[in-house]
mmCIF file of all heavy atoms, coordinates in Angstrom:
data_MODEL
# 
_entry.id   MODEL 
# 
loop_
_atom_site.group_PDB 
_atom_site.id 
_atom_site.type_symbol 
_atom_site.label_atom_id 
_atom_site.label_alt_id 
_atom_site.label_comp_id 
_atom_site.label_asym_id 
_atom_site.label_entity_id 
_atom_site.label_seq_id 
_atom_site.pdbx_PDB_ins_code 
_atom_site.Cartn_x 
_atom_site.Cartn_y 
_atom_site.Cartn_z 
_atom_site.occupancy 
_atom_site.B_iso_or_equiv 
_atom_site.pdbx_formal_charge 
_atom_site.auth_seq_id 
_atom_site.auth_comp_id 
_atom_site.auth_asym_id 
_atom_site.auth_atom_id 
_atom_site.pdbx_PDB_model_num 
ATOM 1   N N   . GLU A 1 1  ? -10.154 2.024  10.771 1.00 0.00 ? 1  GLU A N   1 
ATOM 2   C CA  . GLU A 1 1  ? -10.511 0.681  10.279 1.00 0.00 ? 1  GLU A CA  1 
ATOM 3   C C   . GLU A 1 1  ? -10.010 0.491  8.852  1.00 0.00 ? 1  GLU A C   1 
ATOM 4   O O   . GLU A 1 1  ? -9.453  -0.566 8.506  1.00 0.00 ? 1  GLU A O   1 
ATOM 5   C CB  . GLU A 1 1  ? -12.021 0.486  10.339 1.00 0.00 ? 1  GLU A CB  1 
ATOM 6   C CG  . GLU A 1 1  ? -12.463 -0.901 9.888  1.00 0.00 ? 1  GLU A CG  1 
ATOM 7   C CD  . GLU A 1 1  ? -13.955 -1.127 10.018 1.00 0.00 ? 1  GLU A CD  1 
ATOM 8   O OE1 . GLU A 1 1  ? -14.624 -0.366 10.747 1.00 0.00 ? 1  GLU A OE1 1 
ATOM 9   O OE2 . GLU A 1 1  ? -14.454 -2.071 9.382  1.00 0.00 ? 1  GLU A OE2 1 
ATOM 10  N N   . LEU A 1 2  ? -10.208 1.497  8.012  1.00 0.00 ? 2  LEU A N   1 
ATOM 11  C CA  . LEU A 1 2  ? -9.744  1.410  6.628  1.00 0.00 ? 2  LEU A CA  1 
ATOM 12  C C   . LEU A 1 2  ? -8.221  1.307  6.550  1.00 0.00 ? 2  LEU A C   1 
ATOM 13  O O   . LEU A 1 2  ? -7.672  0.573  5.732  1.00 0.00 ? 2  LEU A O   1 
ATOM 14  C CB  . LEU A 1 2  ? -10.216 2.628  5.836  1.00 0.00 ? 2  LEU A CB  1 
ATOM 15  C CG  . LEU A 1 2  ? -11.718 2.723  5.564  1.00 0.00 ? 2  LEU A CG  1 
ATOM 16  C CD1 . LEU A 1 2  ? -12.060 4.064  4.938  1.00 0.00 ? 2  LEU A CD1 1 
ATOM 17  C CD2 . LEU A 1 2  ? -12.165 1.581  4.654  1.00 0.00 ? 2  LEU A CD2 1 
ATOM 18  N N   . LYS A 1 3  ? -7.551  2.050  7.435  1.00 0.00 ? 3  LYS A N   1 
ATOM 19  C CA  . LYS A 1 3  ? -6.084  2.007  7.453  1.00 0.00 ? 3  LYS A CA  1 
ATOM 20  C C   . LYS A 1 3  ? -5.589  0.646  7.926  1.00 0.00 ? 3  LYS A C   1 
ATOM 21  O O   . LYS A 1 3  ? -4.669  0.075  7.354  1.00 0.00 ? 3  LYS A O   1 
ATOM 22  C CB  . LYS A 1 3  ? -5.535  3.112  8.363  1.00 0.00 ? 3  LYS A CB  1 
ATOM 23  C CG  . LYS A 1 3  ? -4.012  3.231  8.332  1.00 0.00 ? 3  LYS A CG  1 
ATOM 24  C CD  . LYS A 1 3  ? -3.537  4.423  9.132  1.00 0.00 ? 3  LYS A CD  1 
ATOM 25  C CE  . LYS A 1 3  ? -2.020  4.526  9.162  1.00 0.00 ? 3  LYS A CE  1 
ATOM 26  N NZ  . LYS A 1 3  ? -1.431  4.700  7.827  1.00 0.00 ? 3  LYS A NZ  1 
ATOM 27  N N   . GLU A 1 4  ? -6.231  0.129  8.972  1.00 0.00 ? 4  GLU A N   1 
ATOM 28  C CA  . GLU A 1 4  ? -5.825  -1.159 9.538  1.00 0.00 ? 4  GLU A CA  1 
ATOM 29  C C   . GLU A 1 4  ? -6.013  -2.287 8.531  1.00 0.00 ? 4  GLU A C   1 
ATOM 30  O O   . GLU A 1 4  ? -5.181  -3.201 8.442  1.00 0.00 ? 4  GLU A O   1 
ATOM 31  C CB  . GLU A 1 4  ? -6.648  -1.445 10.804 1.00 0.00 ? 4  GLU A CB  1 
ATOM 32  C CG  . GLU A 1 4  ? -6.296  -2.747 11.499 1.00 0.00 ? 4  GLU A CG  1 
ATOM 33  C CD  . GLU A 1 4  ? -4.935  -2.721 12.165 1.00 0.00 ? 4  GLU A CD  1 
ATOM 34  O OE1 . GLU A 1 4  ? -4.414  -1.628 12.467 1.00 0.00 ? 4  GLU A OE1 1 
ATOM 35  O OE2 . GLU A 1 4  ? -4.386  -3.832 12.374 1.00 0.00 ? 4  GLU A OE2 1 
ATOM 36  N N   . THR A 1 5  ? -7.100  -2.223 7.763  1.00 0.00 ? 5  THR A N   1 
ATOM 37  C CA  . THR A 1 5  ? -7.390  -3.293 6.803  1.00 0.00 ? 5  THR A CA  1 
ATOM 38  C C   . THR A 1 5  ? -6.812  -3.014 5.410  1.00 0.00 ? 5  THR A C   1 
ATOM 39  O O   . THR A 1 5  ? -7.027  -3.795 4.489  1.00 0.00 ? 5  THR A O   1 
ATOM 40  C CB  . THR A 1 5  ? -8.911  -3.486 6.673  1.00 0.00 ? 5  THR A CB  1 
ATOM 41  O OG1 . THR A 1 5  ? -9.515  -2.250 6.242  1.00 0.00 ? 5  THR A OG1 1 
ATOM 42  C CG2 . THR A 1 5  ? -9.513  -3.911 8.001  1.00 0.00 ? 5  THR A CG2 1 
ATOM 43  N N   . LYS A 1 6  ? -6.107  -1.854 5.306  1.00 0.00 ? 6  LYS A N   1 
ATOM 44  C CA  . LYS A 1 6  ? -5.510  -1.454 4.021  1.00 0.00 ? 6  LYS A CA  1 
ATOM 45  C C   . LYS A 1 6  ? -6.567  -1.393 2.907  1.00 0.00 ? 6  LYS A C   1 
ATOM 46  O O   . LYS A 1 6  ? -6.328  -1.802 1.770  1.00 0.00 ? 6  LYS A O   1 
ATOM 47  C CB  . LYS A 1 6  ? -4.378  -2.413 3.622  1.00 0.00 ? 6  LYS A CB  1 
ATOM 48  C CG  . LYS A 1 6  ? -3.184  -2.389 4.566  1.00 0.00 ? 6  LYS A CG  1 
ATOM 49  C CD  . LYS A 1 6  ? -2.088  -3.309 4.075  1.00 0.00 ? 6  LYS A CD  1 
ATOM 50  C CE  . LYS A 1 6  ? -0.800  -3.141 4.858  1.00 0.00 ? 6  LYS A CE  1 
ATOM 51  N NZ  . LYS A 1 6  ? -0.882  -3.441 6.267  1.00 0.00 ? 6  LYS A NZ  1 
ATOM 52  N N   . SER A 1 7  ? -7.758  -0.898 3.271  1.00 0.00 ? 7  SER A N   1 
ATOM 53  C CA  . SER A 1 7  ? -8.873  -0.829 2.324  1.00 0.00 ? 7  SER A CA  1 
ATOM 54  C C   . SER A 1 7  ? -8.973  0.512  1.615  1.00 0.00 ? 7  SER A C   1 
ATOM 55  O O   . SER A 1 7  ? -9.883  0.727  0.810  1.00 0.00 ? 7  SER A O   1 
ATOM 56  C CB  . SER A 1 7  ? -10.190 -1.103 3.058  1.00 0.00 ? 7  SER A CB  1 
ATOM 57  O OG  . SER A 1 7  ? -10.172 -2.369 3.680  1.00 0.00 ? 7  SER A OG  1 
ATOM 58  N N   . ALA A 1 8  ? -8.064  1.435  1.930  1.00 0.00 ? 8  ALA A N   1 
ATOM 59  C CA  . ALA A 1 8  ? -8.093  2.765  1.300  1.00 0.00 ? 8  ALA A CA  1 
ATOM 60  C C   . ALA A 1 8  ? -6.660  3.247  1.120  1.00 0.00 ? 8  ALA A C   1 
ATOM 61  O O   . ALA A 1 8  ? -5.787  2.931  1.928  1.00 0.00 ? 8  ALA A O   1 
ATOM 62  C CB  . ALA A 1 8  ? -8.882  3.747  2.157  1.00 0.00 ? 8  ALA A CB  1 
ATOM 63  N N   . ASN A 1 9  ? -6.442  4.012  0.044  1.00 0.00 ? 9  ASN A N   1 
ATOM 64  C CA  . ASN A 1 9  ? -5.097  4.534  -0.162 1.00 0.00 ? 9  ASN A CA  1 
ATOM 65  C C   . ASN A 1 9  ? -4.927  5.872  0.567  1.00 0.00 ? 9  ASN A C   1 
ATOM 66  O O   . ASN A 1 9  ? -5.859  6.384  1.188  1.00 0.00 ? 9  ASN A O   1 
ATOM 67  C CB  . ASN A 1 9  ? -4.789  4.675  -1.664 1.00 0.00 ? 9  ASN A CB  1 
ATOM 68  C CG  . ASN A 1 9  ? -5.708  5.657  -2.374 1.00 0.00 ? 9  ASN A CG  1 
ATOM 69  O OD1 . ASN A 1 9  ? -6.221  6.603  -1.776 1.00 0.00 ? 9  ASN A OD1 1 
ATOM 70  N ND2 . ASN A 1 9  ? -5.929  5.435  -3.672 1.00 0.00 ? 9  ASN A ND2 1 
ATOM 71  N N   . ALA A 1 10 ? -3.737  6.438  0.474  1.00 0.00 ? 10 ALA A N   1 
ATOM 72  C CA  . ALA A 1 10 ? -3.425  7.661  1.215  1.00 0.00 ? 10 ALA A CA  1 
ATOM 73  C C   . ALA A 1 10 ? -4.306  8.831  0.791  1.00 0.00 ? 10 ALA A C   1 
ATOM 74  O O   . ALA A 1 10 ? -4.710  9.652  1.623  1.00 0.00 ? 10 ALA A O   1 
ATOM 75  C CB  . ALA A 1 10 ? -1.950  8.019  1.030  1.00 0.00 ? 10 ALA A CB  1 
ATOM 76  N N   . ASP A 1 11 ? -4.627  8.932  -0.501 1.00 0.00 ? 11 ASP A N   1 
ATOM 77  C CA  . ASP A 1 11 ? -5.488  10.022 -0.968 1.00 0.00 ? 11 ASP A CA  1 
ATOM 78  C C   . ASP A 1 11 ? -6.899  9.880  -0.398 1.00 0.00 ? 11 ASP A C   1 
ATOM 79  O O   . ASP A 1 11 ? -7.530  10.885 -0.011 1.00 0.00 ? 11 ASP A O   1 
ATOM 80  C CB  . ASP A 1 11 ? -5.542  10.040 -2.497 1.00 0.00 ? 11 ASP A CB  1 
ATOM 81  C CG  . ASP A 1 11 ? -4.244  10.541 -3.112 1.00 0.00 ? 11 ASP A CG  1 
ATOM 82  O OD1 . ASP A 1 11 ? -3.777  11.619 -2.718 1.00 0.00 ? 11 ASP A OD1 1 
ATOM 83  O OD2 . ASP A 1 11 ? -3.694  9.846  -3.985 1.00 0.00 ? 11 ASP A OD2 1 
ATOM 84  N N   . ASN A 1 12 ? -7.406  8.645  -0.340 1.00 0.00 ? 12 ASN A N   1 
ATOM 85  C CA  . ASN A 1 12 ? -8.730  8.404  0.246  1.00 0.00 ? 12 ASN A CA  1 
ATOM 86  C C   . ASN A 1 12 ? -8.750  8.818  1.715  1.00 0.00 ? 12 ASN A C   1 
ATOM 87  O O   . ASN A 1 12 ? -9.676  9.498  2.174  1.00 0.00 ? 12 ASN A O   1 
ATOM 88  C CB  . ASN A 1 12 ? -9.108  6.918  0.160  1.00 0.00 ? 12 ASN A CB  1 
ATOM 89  C CG  . ASN A 1 12 ? -9.179  6.379  -1.254 1.00 0.00 ? 12 ASN A CG  1 
ATOM 90  O OD1 . ASN A 1 12 ? -8.923  5.190  -1.489 1.00 0.00 ? 12 ASN A OD1 1 
ATOM 91  N ND2 . ASN A 1 12 ? -9.510  7.226  -2.217 1.00 0.00 ? 12 ASN A ND2 1 
ATOM 92  N N   . LEU A 1 13 ? -7.718  8.408  2.448  1.00 0.00 ? 13 LEU A N   1 
ATOM 93  C CA  . LEU A 1 13 ? -7.657  8.704  3.876  1.00 0.00 ? 13 LEU A CA  1 
ATOM 94  C C   . LEU A 1 13 ? -7.503  10.206 4.123  1.00 0.00 ? 13 LEU A C   1 
ATOM 95  O O   . LEU A 1 13 ? -8.109  10.752 5.049  1.00 0.00 ? 13 LEU A O   1 
ATOM 96  C CB  . LEU A 1 13 ? -6.505  7.936  4.523  1.00 0.00 ? 13 LEU A CB  1 
ATOM 97  C CG  . LEU A 1 13 ? -6.661  6.416  4.564  1.00 0.00 ? 13 LEU A CG  1 
ATOM 98  C CD1 . LEU A 1 13 ? -5.411  5.762  5.141  1.00 0.00 ? 13 LEU A CD1 1 
ATOM 99  C CD2 . LEU A 1 13 ? -7.881  6.019  5.390  1.00 0.00 ? 13 LEU A CD2 1 
ATOM 100 N N   . ALA A 1 14 ? -6.722  10.868 3.277  1.00 0.00 ? 14 ALA A N   1 
ATOM 101 C CA  . ALA A 1 14 ? -6.559  12.323 3.413  1.00 0.00 ? 14 ALA A CA  1 
ATOM 102 C C   . ALA A 1 14 ? -7.907  13.017 3.254  1.00 0.00 ? 14 ALA A C   1 
ATOM 103 O O   . ALA A 1 14 ? -8.243  13.938 4.015  1.00 0.00 ? 14 ALA A O   1 
ATOM 104 C CB  . ALA A 1 14 ? -5.565  12.843 2.376  1.00 0.00 ? 14 ALA A CB  1 
ATOM 105 N N   . ALA A 1 15 ? -8.700  12.567 2.281  1.00 0.00 ? 15 ALA A N   1 
ATOM 106 C CA  . ALA A 1 15 ? -10.021 13.161 2.057  1.00 0.00 ? 15 ALA A CA  1 
ATOM 107 C C   . ALA A 1 15 ? -10.937 12.924 3.260  1.00 0.00 ? 15 ALA A C   1 
ATOM 108 O O   . ALA A 1 15 ? -11.697 13.823 3.657  1.00 0.00 ? 15 ALA A O   1 
ATOM 109 C CB  . ALA A 1 15 ? -10.649 12.577 0.792  1.00 0.00 ? 15 ALA A CB  1 
ATOM 110 N N   . LEU A 1 16 ? -10.860 11.735 3.863  1.00 0.00 ? 16 LEU A N   1 
ATOM 111 C CA  . LEU A 1 16 ? -11.689 11.438 5.028  1.00 0.00 ? 16 LEU A CA  1 
ATOM 112 C C   . LEU A 1 16 ? -11.258 12.268 6.237  1.00 0.00 ? 16 LEU A C   1 
ATOM 113 O O   . LEU A 1 16 ? -12.099 12.746 7.007  1.00 0.00 ? 16 LEU A O   1 
ATOM 114 C CB  . LEU A 1 16 ? -11.619 9.945  5.356  1.00 0.00 ? 16 LEU A CB  1 
ATOM 115 C CG  . LEU A 1 16 ? -12.369 9.023  4.388  1.00 0.00 ? 16 LEU A CG  1 
ATOM 116 C CD1 . LEU A 1 16 ? -12.050 7.560  4.677  1.00 0.00 ? 16 LEU A CD1 1 
ATOM 117 C CD2 . LEU A 1 16 ? -13.879 9.258  4.482  1.00 0.00 ? 16 LEU A CD2 1 
ATOM 118 N N   . PHE A 1 17 ? -9.956  12.440 6.409  1.00 0.00 ? 17 PHE A N   1 
ATOM 119 C CA  . PHE A 1 17 ? -9.466  13.294 7.496  1.00 0.00 ? 17 PHE A CA  1 
ATOM 120 C C   . PHE A 1 17 ? -9.980  14.720 7.316  1.00 0.00 ? 17 PHE A C   1 
ATOM 121 O O   . PHE A 1 17 ? -10.384 15.392 8.276  1.00 0.00 ? 17 PHE A O   1 
ATOM 122 C CB  . PHE A 1 17 ? -7.940  13.304 7.540  1.00 0.00 ? 17 PHE A CB  1 
ATOM 123 C CG  . PHE A 1 17 ? -7.341  12.204 8.381  1.00 0.00 ? 17 PHE A CG  1 
ATOM 124 C CD1 . PHE A 1 17 ? -6.577  11.201 7.803  1.00 0.00 ? 17 PHE A CD1 1 
ATOM 125 C CD2 . PHE A 1 17 ? -7.540  12.186 9.753  1.00 0.00 ? 17 PHE A CD2 1 
ATOM 126 C CE1 . PHE A 1 17 ? -6.018  10.193 8.576  1.00 0.00 ? 17 PHE A CE1 1 
ATOM 127 C CE2 . PHE A 1 17 ? -6.988  11.178 10.536 1.00 0.00 ? 17 PHE A CE2 1 
ATOM 128 C CZ  . PHE A 1 17 ? -6.220  10.176 9.944  1.00 0.00 ? 17 PHE A CZ  1 
ATOM 129 N N   . MET A 1 18 ? -9.956  15.195 6.069  1.00 0.00 ? 18 MET A N   1 
ATOM 130 C CA  . MET A 1 18 ? -10.438 16.552 5.793  1.00 0.00 ? 18 MET A CA  1 
ATOM 131 C C   . MET A 1 18 ? -11.943 16.658 6.070  1.00 0.00 ? 18 MET A C   1 
ATOM 132 O O   . MET A 1 18 ? -12.424 17.678 6.583  1.00 0.00 ? 18 MET A O   1 
ATOM 133 C CB  . MET A 1 18 ? -10.138 16.936 4.340  1.00 0.00 ? 18 MET A CB  1 
ATOM 134 C CG  . MET A 1 18 ? -8.670  17.124 4.025  1.00 0.00 ? 18 MET A CG  1 
ATOM 135 S SD  . MET A 1 18 ? -7.953  18.524 4.901  1.00 0.00 ? 18 MET A SD  1 
ATOM 136 C CE  . MET A 1 18 ? -6.258  18.448 4.277  1.00 0.00 ? 18 MET A CE  1 
ATOM 137 N N   . ALA A 1 19 ? -12.688 15.611 5.747  1.00 0.00 ? 19 ALA A N   1 
ATOM 138 C CA  . ALA A 1 19 ? -14.128 15.612 6.006  1.00 0.00 ? 19 ALA A CA  1 
ATOM 139 C C   . ALA A 1 19 ? -14.391 15.649 7.517  1.00 0.00 ? 19 ALA A C   1 
ATOM 140 O O   . ALA A 1 19 ? -15.250 16.394 8.001  1.00 0.00 ? 19 ALA A O   1 
ATOM 141 C CB  . ALA A 1 19 ? -14.780 14.380 5.390  1.00 0.00 ? 19 ALA A CB  1 
ATOM 142 N N   . SER A 1 20 ? -13.634 14.850 8.267  1.00 0.00 ? 20 SER A N   1 
ATOM 143 C CA  . SER A 1 20 ? -13.760 14.845 9.723  1.00 0.00 ? 20 SER A CA  1 
ATOM 144 C C   . SER A 1 20 ? -13.445 16.223 10.285 1.00 0.00 ? 20 SER A C   1 
ATOM 145 O O   . SER A 1 20 ? -14.139 16.727 11.187 1.00 0.00 ? 20 SER A O   1 
ATOM 146 C CB  . SER A 1 20 ? -12.802 13.800 10.314 1.00 0.00 ? 20 SER A CB  1 
ATOM 147 O OG  . SER A 1 20 ? -12.806 13.862 11.724 1.00 0.00 ? 20 SER A OG  1 
ATOM 148 N N   . ARG A 1 21 ? -12.425 16.851 9.736  1.00 0.00 ? 21 ARG A N   1 
ATOM 149 C CA  . ARG A 1 21 ? -12.020 18.198 10.175 1.00 0.00 ? 21 ARG A CA  1 
ATOM 150 C C   . ARG A 1 21 ? -13.125 19.213 9.880  1.00 0.00 ? 21 ARG A C   1 
ATOM 151 O O   . ARG A 1 21 ? -13.385 20.104 10.685 1.00 0.00 ? 21 ARG A O   1 
ATOM 152 C CB  . ARG A 1 21 ? -10.722 18.567 9.459  1.00 0.00 ? 21 ARG A CB  1 
ATOM 153 C CG  . ARG A 1 21 ? -10.105 19.895 9.857  1.00 0.00 ? 21 ARG A CG  1 
ATOM 154 C CD  . ARG A 1 21 ? -8.657  19.957 9.392  1.00 0.00 ? 21 ARG A CD  1 
ATOM 155 N NE  . ARG A 1 21 ? -7.908  18.868 9.966  1.00 0.00 ? 21 ARG A NE  1 
ATOM 156 C CZ  . ARG A 1 21 ? -7.257  17.951 9.253  1.00 0.00 ? 21 ARG A CZ  1 
ATOM 157 N NH1 . ARG A 1 21 ? -7.267  17.996 7.933  1.00 0.00 ? 21 ARG A NH1 1 
ATOM 158 N NH2 . ARG A 1 21 ? -6.588  16.989 9.852  1.00 0.00 ? 21 ARG A NH2 1 
ATOM 159 N N   . TYR A 1 22 ? -13.758 19.071 8.733  1.00 0.00 ? 22 TYR A N   1 
ATOM 160 C CA  . TYR A 1 22 ? -14.828 19.988 8.341  1.00 0.00 ? 22 TYR A CA  1 
ATOM 161 C C   . TYR A 1 22 ? -15.960 19.952 9.368  1.00 0.00 ? 22 TYR A C   1 
ATOM 162 O O   . TYR A 1 22 ? -16.460 20.997 9.806  1.00 0.00 ? 22 TYR A O   1 
ATOM 163 C CB  . TYR A 1 22 ? -15.351 19.609 6.953  1.00 0.00 ? 22 TYR A CB  1 
ATOM 164 C CG  . TYR A 1 22 ? -16.508 20.456 6.481  1.00 0.00 ? 22 TYR A CG  1 
ATOM 165 C CD1 . TYR A 1 22 ? -16.292 21.698 5.888  1.00 0.00 ? 22 TYR A CD1 1 
ATOM 166 C CD2 . TYR A 1 22 ? -17.820 20.009 6.624  1.00 0.00 ? 22 TYR A CD2 1 
ATOM 167 C CE1 . TYR A 1 22 ? -17.358 22.479 5.449  1.00 0.00 ? 22 TYR A CE1 1 
ATOM 168 C CE2 . TYR A 1 22 ? -18.885 20.779 6.194  1.00 0.00 ? 22 TYR A CE2 1 
ATOM 169 C CZ  . TYR A 1 22 ? -18.645 22.015 5.611  1.00 0.00 ? 22 TYR A CZ  1 
ATOM 170 O OH  . TYR A 1 22 ? -19.702 22.784 5.199  1.00 0.00 ? 22 TYR A OH  1 
ATOM 171 N N   . PHE A 1 23 ? -16.377 18.738 9.758  1.00 0.00 ? 23 PHE A N   1 
ATOM 172 C CA  . PHE A 1 23 ? -17.455 18.609 10.739 1.00 0.00 ? 23 PHE A CA  1 
ATOM 173 C C   . PHE A 1 23 ? -17.047 19.202 12.082 1.00 0.00 ? 23 PHE A C   1 
ATOM 174 O O   . PHE A 1 23 ? -17.838 19.871 12.746 1.00 0.00 ? 23 PHE A O   1 
ATOM 175 C CB  . PHE A 1 23 ? -17.847 17.140 10.911 1.00 0.00 ? 23 PHE A CB  1 
ATOM 176 C CG  . PHE A 1 23 ? -18.615 16.572 9.751  1.00 0.00 ? 23 PHE A CG  1 
ATOM 177 C CD1 . PHE A 1 23 ? -18.180 15.421 9.106  1.00 0.00 ? 23 PHE A CD1 1 
ATOM 178 C CD2 . PHE A 1 23 ? -19.772 17.184 9.298  1.00 0.00 ? 23 PHE A CD2 1 
ATOM 179 C CE1 . PHE A 1 23 ? -18.887 14.890 8.027  1.00 0.00 ? 23 PHE A CE1 1 
ATOM 180 C CE2 . PHE A 1 23 ? -20.495 16.672 8.228  1.00 0.00 ? 23 PHE A CE2 1 
ATOM 181 C CZ  . PHE A 1 23 ? -20.041 15.525 7.587  1.00 0.00 ? 23 PHE A CZ  1 
ATOM 182 N N   . LEU A 1 24 ? -15.796 18.944 12.499 1.00 0.00 ? 24 LEU A N   1 
ATOM 183 C CA  . LEU A 1 24 ? -15.322 19.476 13.763 1.00 0.00 ? 24 LEU A CA  1 
ATOM 184 C C   . LEU A 1 24 ? -15.321 20.998 13.758 1.00 0.00 ? 24 LEU A C   1 
ATOM 185 O O   . LEU A 1 24 ? -15.748 21.647 14.722 1.00 0.00 ? 24 LEU A O   1 
ATOM 186 C CB  . LEU A 1 24 ? -13.917 18.955 14.064 1.00 0.00 ? 24 LEU A CB  1 
ATOM 187 C CG  . LEU A 1 24 ? -13.254 19.475 15.344 1.00 0.00 ? 24 LEU A CG  1 
ATOM 188 C CD1 . LEU A 1 24 ? -14.052 19.070 16.576 1.00 0.00 ? 24 LEU A CD1 1 
ATOM 189 C CD2 . LEU A 1 24 ? -11.818 18.966 15.448 1.00 0.00 ? 24 LEU A CD2 1 
ATOM 190 N N   . LEU A 1 25 ? -14.858 21.571 12.660 1.00 0.00 ? 25 LEU A N   1 
ATOM 191 C CA  . LEU A 1 25 ? -14.815 23.030 12.550 1.00 0.00 ? 25 LEU A CA  1 
ATOM 192 C C   . LEU A 1 25 ? -16.218 23.632 12.592 1.00 0.00 ? 25 LEU A C   1 
ATOM 193 O O   . LEU A 1 25 ? -16.490 24.566 13.349 1.00 0.00 ? 25 LEU A O   1 
ATOM 194 C CB  . LEU A 1 25 ? -14.108 23.435 11.249 1.00 0.00 ? 25 LEU A CB  1 
ATOM 195 C CG  . LEU A 1 25 ? -12.591 23.257 11.208 1.00 0.00 ? 25 LEU A CG  1 
ATOM 196 C CD1 . LEU A 1 25 ? -12.090 23.381 9.767  1.00 0.00 ? 25 LEU A CD1 1 
ATOM 197 C CD2 . LEU A 1 25 ? -11.897 24.290 12.084 1.00 0.00 ? 25 LEU A CD2 1 
ATOM 198 N N   . LYS A 1 26 ? -17.108 23.087 11.768 1.00 0.00 ? 26 LYS A N   1 
ATOM 199 C CA  . LYS A 1 26 ? -18.447 23.670 11.631 1.00 0.00 ? 26 LYS A CA  1 
ATOM 200 C C   . LYS A 1 26 ? -19.321 23.443 12.866 1.00 0.00 ? 26 LYS A C   1 
ATOM 201 O O   . LYS A 1 26 ? -20.113 24.315 13.240 1.00 0.00 ? 26 LYS A O   1 
ATOM 202 C CB  . LYS A 1 26 ? -19.140 23.097 10.392 1.00 0.00 ? 26 LYS A CB  1 
ATOM 203 C CG  . LYS A 1 26 ? -18.443 23.419 9.085  1.00 0.00 ? 26 LYS A CG  1 
ATOM 204 C CD  . LYS A 1 26 ? -18.331 24.919 8.852  1.00 0.00 ? 26 LYS A CD  1 
ATOM 205 C CE  . LYS A 1 26 ? -17.652 25.230 7.533  1.00 0.00 ? 26 LYS A CE  1 
ATOM 206 N NZ  . LYS A 1 26 ? -17.449 26.690 7.340  1.00 0.00 ? 26 LYS A NZ  1 
ATOM 207 N N   . LYS A 1 27 ? -19.189 22.276 13.485 1.00 0.00 ? 27 LYS A N   1 
ATOM 208 C CA  . LYS A 1 27 ? -20.100 21.931 14.574 1.00 0.00 ? 27 LYS A CA  1 
ATOM 209 C C   . LYS A 1 27 ? -19.573 22.298 15.966 1.00 0.00 ? 27 LYS A C   1 
ATOM 210 O O   . LYS A 1 27 ? -20.362 22.417 16.909 1.00 0.00 ? 27 LYS A O   1 
ATOM 211 C CB  . LYS A 1 27 ? -20.426 20.435 14.533 1.00 0.00 ? 27 LYS A CB  1 
ATOM 212 C CG  . LYS A 1 27 ? -21.218 20.034 13.293 1.00 0.00 ? 27 LYS A CG  1 
ATOM 213 C CD  . LYS A 1 27 ? -21.643 18.571 13.367 1.00 0.00 ? 27 LYS A CD  1 
ATOM 214 C CE  . LYS A 1 27 ? -22.516 18.193 12.179 1.00 0.00 ? 27 LYS A CE  1 
ATOM 215 N NZ  . LYS A 1 27 ? -23.003 16.793 12.257 1.00 0.00 ? 27 LYS A NZ  1 
# 
């Protein structure tokens, strides 16, 4: 949604991808 609406830059999105990855790894 953030990417589609251009509401976040690449660094923001990279951090969110990493957060999503963290949950997937741990859970």
